[in-house]
Amino acid sequence: MVSLVPLKFAQALADVAVELKQEDQVLEELSSVSALLGSHKELMETLTHPAIPFSAKRNIVQELAKEIPLTQTVANFILVLIERARLPQFQEVLEAYASVLDDLHGIVRADVFACEKVDKAVDQRLRKVVSTLTGKEVEIKYHVDESLIGGLKLQIGSTIYDGSIGTQLEEFRRRLAGK
């Protein structure tokens, strides 16, 4: 779950990106920057260190923007995050931005956990059910969870629909026990 501050930054960026018709490009560039920051800890430390002047950080970002390359929109956004001491929340901002874009495009993302690979027929039924439930286009990511006996768990955002056999057996046990 993304917290409020990263969501506000992501929404502001999305507003600008949509206006410039660069929303997908911005997402790709943010992902590139995320990978760069994740693989170069020294860079993150430099850009977040309070003793290093903002002008030096701006120069670093401008050089990175040339190398990666980044649009001016993304470069400016990174500078805003640095200036507001929010760069450590970059991954959260990226996730929030992707979520905001999904909302704009009418897409909902779901995770499905099953004991084995889900076949095509089940996939189609799940997509139809989730689409009907949410009123949106569905993107499903499947996960094999060998701890499940059978059935599925469906997660949409923070909501989990548990149709696993283990949960059903536990519910049956509670009913038999009169609880």
C-alpha atoms as a PDB file:
ATOM      1  CA  MET A   1       0.000   0.000   0.000  1.00  0.00           C
ATOM      2  CA  VAL A   2       1.428   3.340  -1.037  1.00  0.00           C
ATOM      3  CA  SER A   3       1.414   6.117   1.537  1.00  0.00           C
ATOM      4  CA  LEU A   4      -0.185   9.507   0.980  1.00  0.00           C
ATOM      5  CA  VAL A   5       2.908  11.647   0.294  1.00  0.00           C
ATOM      6  CA  PRO A   6       4.320   9.477  -2.528  1.00  0.00           C
ATOM      7  CA  LEU A   7       0.812   9.284  -3.968  1.00  0.00           C
ATOM      8  CA  LYS A   8       0.538  13.098  -4.027  1.00  0.00           C
ATOM      9  CA  PHE A   9       3.881  13.395  -5.836  1.00  0.00           C
ATOM     10  CA  ALA A  10       2.860  10.653  -8.288  1.00  0.00           C
ATOM     11  CA  GLN A  11      -0.483  12.318  -8.990  1.00  0.00           C
ATOM     12  CA  ALA A  12       1.199  15.658  -9.679  1.00  0.00           C
ATOM     13  CA  LEU A  13       3.658  14.001 -12.052  1.00  0.00           C
ATOM     14  CA  ALA A  14       0.848  12.107 -13.785  1.00  0.00           C
ATOM     15  CA  ASP A  15      -1.072  15.339 -14.308  1.00  0.00           C
ATOM     16  CA  VAL A  16       1.927  16.871 -16.085  1.00  0.00           C
ATOM     17  CA  ALA A  17       2.753  13.697 -18.041  1.00  0.00           C
ATOM     18  CA  VAL A  18      -0.829  13.305 -19.284  1.00  0.00           C
ATOM     19  CA  GLU A  19      -0.917  16.947 -20.350  1.00  0.00           C
ATOM     20  CA  LEU A  20       2.312  16.406 -22.312  1.00  0.00           C
ATOM     21  CA  LYS A  21       1.122  12.978 -23.573  1.00  0.00           C
ATOM     22  CA  GLN A  22       4.238  11.376 -22.066  1.00  0.00           C
ATOM     23  CA  GLU A  23       2.700   9.163 -19.379  1.00  0.00           C
ATOM     24  CA  ASP A  24       4.138   5.849 -20.655  1.00  0.00           C
ATOM     25  CA  GLN A  25       7.529   7.361 -21.440  1.00  0.00           C
ATOM     26  CA  VAL A  26       7.684   8.866 -17.953  1.00  0.00           C
ATOM     27  CA  LEU A  27       6.901   5.446 -16.453  1.00  0.00           C
ATOM     28  CA  GLU A  28       9.725   3.850 -18.445  1.00  0.00           C
ATOM     29  CA  GLU A  29      12.153   6.582 -17.405  1.00  0.00           C
ATOM     30  CA  LEU A  30      11.147   6.321 -13.744  1.00  0.00           C
ATOM     31  CA  SER A  31      11.738   2.572 -13.934  1.00  0.00           C
ATOM     32  CA  SER A  32      15.207   3.181 -15.399  1.00  0.00           C
ATOM     33  CA  VAL A  33      16.045   5.646 -12.635  1.00  0.00           C
ATOM     34  CA  SER A  34      14.761   3.177 -10.030  1.00  0.00           C
ATOM     35  CA  ALA A  35      17.042   0.461 -11.399  1.00  0.00           C
ATOM     36  CA  LEU A  36      19.967   2.892 -11.438  1.00  0.00           C
ATOM     37  CA  LEU A  37      19.384   4.022  -7.854  1.00  0.00           C
ATOM     38  CA  GLY A  38      18.938   0.424  -6.734  1.00  0.00           C
ATOM     39  CA  SER A  39      22.177  -0.757  -8.304  1.00  0.00           C
ATOM     40  CA  HIS A  40      24.314   2.269  -7.338  1.00  0.00           C
ATOM     41  CA  LYS A  41      23.935   2.848  -3.611  1.00  0.00           C
ATOM     42  CA  GLU A  42      26.629   5.538  -3.692  1.00  0.00           C
ATOM     43  CA  LEU A  43      24.531   7.580  -6.095  1.00  0.00           C
ATOM     44  CA  MET A  44      21.533   7.433  -3.754  1.00  0.00           C
ATOM     45  CA  GLU A  45      23.748   8.367  -0.802  1.00  0.00           C
ATOM     46  CA  THR A  46      25.190  11.320  -2.717  1.00  0.00           C
ATOM     47  CA  LEU A  47      21.801  12.609  -3.854  1.00  0.00           C
ATOM     48  CA  THR A  48      20.340  12.359  -0.344  1.00  0.00           C
ATOM     49  CA  HIS A  49      23.321  13.535   1.713  1.00  0.00           C
ATOM     50  CA  PRO A  50      22.410  16.793   3.486  1.00  0.00           C
ATOM     51  CA  ALA A  51      25.957  18.179   3.383  1.00  0.00           C
ATOM     52  CA  ILE A  52      26.135  18.104  -0.415  1.00  0.00           C
ATOM     53  CA  PRO A  53      24.744  21.336  -1.887  1.00  0.00           C
ATOM     54  CA  PHE A  54      21.635  21.150  -4.049  1.00  0.00           C
ATOM     55  CA  SER A  55      23.532  22.748  -6.959  1.00  0.00           C
ATOM     56  CA  ALA A  56      25.935  19.765  -7.034  1.00  0.00           C
ATOM     57  CA  LYS A  57      22.987  17.345  -6.927  1.00  0.00           C
ATOM     58  CA  ARG A  58      21.329  19.250  -9.775  1.00  0.00           C
ATOM     59  CA  ASN A  59      24.500  18.886 -11.860  1.00  0.00           C
ATOM     60  CA  ILE A  60      24.542  15.129 -11.208  1.00  0.00           C
ATOM     61  CA  VAL A  61      20.899  14.774 -12.233  1.00  0.00           C
ATOM     62  CA  GLN A  62      21.469  16.845 -15.384  1.00  0.00           C
ATOM     63  CA  GLU A  63      24.391  14.608 -16.367  1.00  0.00           C
ATOM     64  CA  LEU A  64      22.317  11.492 -15.671  1.00  0.00           C
ATOM     65  CA  ALA A  65      19.495  12.929 -17.773  1.00  0.00           C
ATOM     66  CA  LYS A  66      21.869  13.157 -20.733  1.00  0.00           C
ATOM     67  CA  GLU A  67      23.222   9.632 -20.261  1.00  0.00           C
ATOM     68  CA  ILE A  68      20.033   7.650 -19.615  1.00  0.00           C
ATOM     69  CA  PRO A  69      18.389   9.834 -21.369  1.00  0.00           C
ATOM     70  CA  LEU A  70      15.566  11.440 -19.391  1.00  0.00           C
ATOM     71  CA  THR A  71      12.951  13.933 -20.466  1.00  0.00           C
ATOM     72  CA  GLN A  72      13.106  17.306 -18.794  1.00  0.00           C
ATOM     73  CA  THR A  73       9.872  16.373 -16.990  1.00  0.00           C
ATOM     74  CA  VAL A  74      11.476  13.404 -15.222  1.00  0.00           C
ATOM     75  CA  ALA A  75      14.730  15.238 -14.529  1.00  0.00           C
ATOM     76  CA  ASN A  76      12.805  18.106 -12.943  1.00  0.00           C
ATOM     77  CA  PHE A  77      10.697  15.657 -10.963  1.00  0.00           C
ATOM     78  CA  ILE A  78      13.791  13.981  -9.536  1.00  0.00           C
ATOM     79  CA  LEU A  79      15.121  17.393  -8.538  1.00  0.00           C
ATOM     80  CA  VAL A  80      11.863  18.152  -6.740  1.00  0.00           C
ATOM     81  CA  LEU A  81      12.130  14.848  -4.851  1.00  0.00           C
ATOM     82  CA  ILE A  82      15.712  15.665  -3.889  1.00  0.00           C
ATOM     83  CA  GLU A  83      14.822  19.188  -2.818  1.00  0.00           C
ATOM     84  CA  ARG A  84      11.915  17.929  -0.674  1.00  0.00           C
ATOM     85  CA  ALA A  85      14.040  15.084   0.817  1.00  0.00           C
ATOM     86  CA  ARG A  86      11.737  12.465  -0.752  1.00  0.00           C
ATOM     87  CA  LEU A  87      14.220  10.621  -2.951  1.00  0.00           C
ATOM     88  CA  PRO A  88      14.415   7.719  -0.453  1.00  0.00           C
ATOM     89  CA  GLN A  89      10.710   7.146  -1.247  1.00  0.00           C
ATOM     90  CA  PHE A  90      11.409   6.904  -4.980  1.00  0.00           C
ATOM     91  CA  GLN A  91      10.233   3.290  -5.290  1.00  0.00           C
ATOM     92  CA  GLU A  92       6.955   4.144  -3.554  1.00  0.00           C
ATOM     93  CA  VAL A  93       6.489   7.122  -5.887  1.00  0.00           C
ATOM     94  CA  LEU A  94       7.123   4.864  -8.892  1.00  0.00           C
ATOM     95  CA  GLU A  95       4.545   2.328  -7.662  1.00  0.00           C
ATOM     96  CA  ALA A  96       2.042   5.114  -6.976  1.00  0.00           C
ATOM     97  CA  TYR A  97       2.628   6.590 -10.447  1.00  0.00           C
ATOM     98  CA  ALA A  98       1.988   3.206 -12.082  1.00  0.00           C
ATOM     99  CA  SER A  99      -1.179   2.875 -10.011  1.00  0.00           C
ATOM    100  CA  VAL A 100      -2.374   6.352 -11.004  1.00  0.00           C
ATOM    101  CA  LEU A 101      -1.799   5.485 -14.680  1.00  0.00           C
ATOM    102  CA  ASP A 102      -3.730   2.239 -14.246  1.00  0.00           C
ATOM    103  CA  ASP A 103      -6.638   4.194 -12.810  1.00  0.00           C
ATOM    104  CA  LEU A 104      -6.508   6.671 -15.695  1.00  0.00           C
ATOM    105  CA  HIS A 105      -6.486   3.841 -18.233  1.00  0.00           C
ATOM    106  CA  GLY A 106      -9.213   1.834 -16.469  1.00  0.00           C
ATOM    107  CA  ILE A 107      -6.919  -1.053 -15.527  1.00  0.00           C
ATOM    108  CA  VAL A 108      -6.927  -3.047 -12.306  1.00  0.00           C
ATOM    109  CA  ARG A 109      -4.028  -5.306 -11.328  1.00  0.00           C
ATOM    110  CA  ALA A 110      -4.631  -8.535  -9.493  1.00  0.00           C
ATOM    111  CA  ASP A 111      -2.440 -11.266  -8.066  1.00  0.00           C
ATOM    112  CA  VAL A 112      -3.617 -14.860  -8.102  1.00  0.00           C
ATOM    113  CA  PHE A 113      -2.033 -17.491  -5.887  1.00  0.00           C
ATOM    114  CA  ALA A 114      -2.618 -21.144  -6.759  1.00  0.00           C
ATOM    115  CA  CYS A 115      -1.002 -24.478  -5.867  1.00  0.00           C
ATOM    116  CA  GLU A 116      -0.075 -25.040  -9.505  1.00  0.00           C
ATOM    117  CA  LYS A 117       0.002 -23.232 -12.822  1.00  0.00           C
ATOM    118  CA  VAL A 118      -3.458 -21.940 -13.778  1.00  0.00           C
ATOM    119  CA  ASP A 119      -4.823 -23.182 -17.110  1.00  0.00           C
ATOM    120  CA  LYS A 120      -6.235 -20.969 -19.820  1.00  0.00           C
ATOM    121  CA  ALA A 121      -9.913 -21.692 -19.050  1.00  0.00           C
ATOM    122  CA  VAL A 122      -9.501 -20.689 -15.390  1.00  0.00           C
ATOM    123  CA  ASP A 123      -7.557 -17.597 -16.461  1.00  0.00           C
ATOM    124  CA  GLN A 124     -10.377 -16.504 -18.767  1.00  0.00           C
ATOM    125  CA  ARG A 125     -13.029 -17.067 -16.064  1.00  0.00           C
ATOM    126  CA  LEU A 126     -10.956 -15.146 -13.505  1.00  0.00           C
ATOM    127  CA  ARG A 127     -10.467 -12.222 -15.870  1.00  0.00           C
ATOM    128  CA  LYS A 128     -14.203 -12.082 -16.542  1.00  0.00           C
ATOM    129  CA  VAL A 129     -15.074 -12.243 -12.826  1.00  0.00           C
ATOM    130  CA  VAL A 130     -12.549  -9.579 -11.813  1.00  0.00           C
ATOM    131  CA  SER A 131     -13.556  -7.345 -14.714  1.00  0.00           C
ATOM    132  CA  THR A 132     -17.231  -7.657 -13.720  1.00  0.00           C
ATOM    133  CA  LEU A 133     -16.364  -7.068 -10.072  1.00  0.00           C
ATOM    134  CA  THR A 134     -14.271  -3.951 -10.714  1.00  0.00           C
ATOM    135  CA  GLY A 135     -15.678  -2.627 -13.970  1.00  0.00           C
ATOM    136  CA  LYS A 136     -12.133  -2.343 -15.312  1.00  0.00           C
ATOM    137  CA  GLU A 137      -9.764  -4.125 -17.658  1.00  0.00           C
ATOM    138  CA  VAL A 138      -7.770  -6.740 -15.738  1.00  0.00           C
ATOM    139  CA  GLU A 139      -4.047  -7.461 -15.600  1.00  0.00           C
ATOM    140  CA  ILE A 140      -3.401 -10.661 -13.622  1.00  0.00           C
ATOM    141  CA  LYS A 141      -0.072 -11.835 -12.275  1.00  0.00           C
ATOM    142  CA  TYR A 142      -0.017 -15.504 -11.327  1.00  0.00           C
ATOM    143  CA  HIS A 143       2.008 -16.998  -8.484  1.00  0.00           C
ATOM    144  CA  VAL A 144       2.475 -20.651  -7.579  1.00  0.00           C
ATOM    145  CA  ASP A 145       2.054 -21.123  -3.820  1.00  0.00           C
ATOM    146  CA  GLU A 146       2.874 -24.722  -2.952  1.00  0.00           C
ATOM    147  CA  SER A 147       1.524 -24.245   0.571  1.00  0.00           C
ATOM    148  CA  LEU A 148      -2.006 -24.196  -0.872  1.00  0.00           C
ATOM    149  CA  ILE A 149      -3.810 -27.539  -1.033  1.00  0.00           C
ATOM    150  CA  GLY A 150      -6.055 -26.380  -3.860  1.00  0.00           C
ATOM    151  CA  GLY A 151      -8.267 -23.501  -4.879  1.00  0.00           C
ATOM    152  CA  LEU A 152      -7.035 -19.934  -5.277  1.00  0.00           C
ATOM    153  CA  LYS A 153      -6.384 -16.691  -3.507  1.00  0.00           C
ATOM    154  CA  LEU A 154      -7.121 -13.512  -5.438  1.00  0.00           C
ATOM    155  CA  GLN A 155      -5.667 -10.188  -4.337  1.00  0.00           C
ATOM    156  CA  ILE A 156      -6.850  -6.876  -5.772  1.00  0.00           C
ATOM    157  CA  GLY A 157      -5.089  -4.018  -4.028  1.00  0.00           C
ATOM    158  CA  SER A 158      -5.341  -4.707  -0.321  1.00  0.00           C
ATOM    159  CA  THR A 159      -8.432  -6.931  -0.664  1.00  0.00           C
ATOM    160  CA  ILE A 160      -7.935 -10.700  -0.630  1.00  0.00           C
ATOM    161  CA  TYR A 161     -10.564 -13.161  -1.800  1.00  0.00           C
ATOM    162  CA  ASP A 162      -9.580 -16.510  -0.340  1.00  0.00           C
ATOM    163  CA  GLY A 163     -11.090 -19.501  -2.128  1.00  0.00           C
ATOM    164  CA  SER A 164      -8.343 -21.880  -1.089  1.00  0.00           C
ATOM    165  CA  ILE A 165      -9.220 -25.380   0.074  1.00  0.00           C
ATOM    166  CA  GLY A 166      -7.366 -24.831   3.357  1.00  0.00           C
ATOM    167  CA  THR A 167      -9.527 -21.823   4.220  1.00  0.00           C
ATOM    168  CA  GLN A 168     -12.685 -23.668   3.221  1.00  0.00           C
ATOM    169  CA  LEU A 169     -11.710 -26.627   5.433  1.00  0.00           C
ATOM    170  CA  GLU A 170     -11.003 -24.268   8.337  1.00  0.00           C
ATOM    171  CA  GLU A 171     -14.423 -22.625   7.904  1.00  0.00           C
ATOM    172  CA  PHE A 172     -16.052 -26.056   7.815  1.00  0.00           C
ATOM    173  CA  ARG A 173     -14.208 -27.024  11.026  1.00  0.00           C
ATOM    174  CA  ARG A 174     -15.440 -23.858  12.768  1.00  0.00           C
ATOM    175  CA  ARG A 175     -19.021 -24.544  11.730  1.00  0.00           C
ATOM    176  CA  LEU A 176     -18.819 -28.118  13.012  1.00  0.00           C
ATOM    177  CA  ALA A 177     -17.407 -26.870  16.299  1.00  0.00           C
ATOM    178  CA  GLY A 178     -20.297 -24.407  16.566  1.00  0.00           C
ATOM    179  CA  LYS A 179     -18.105 -21.307  16.536  1.00  0.00           C
END
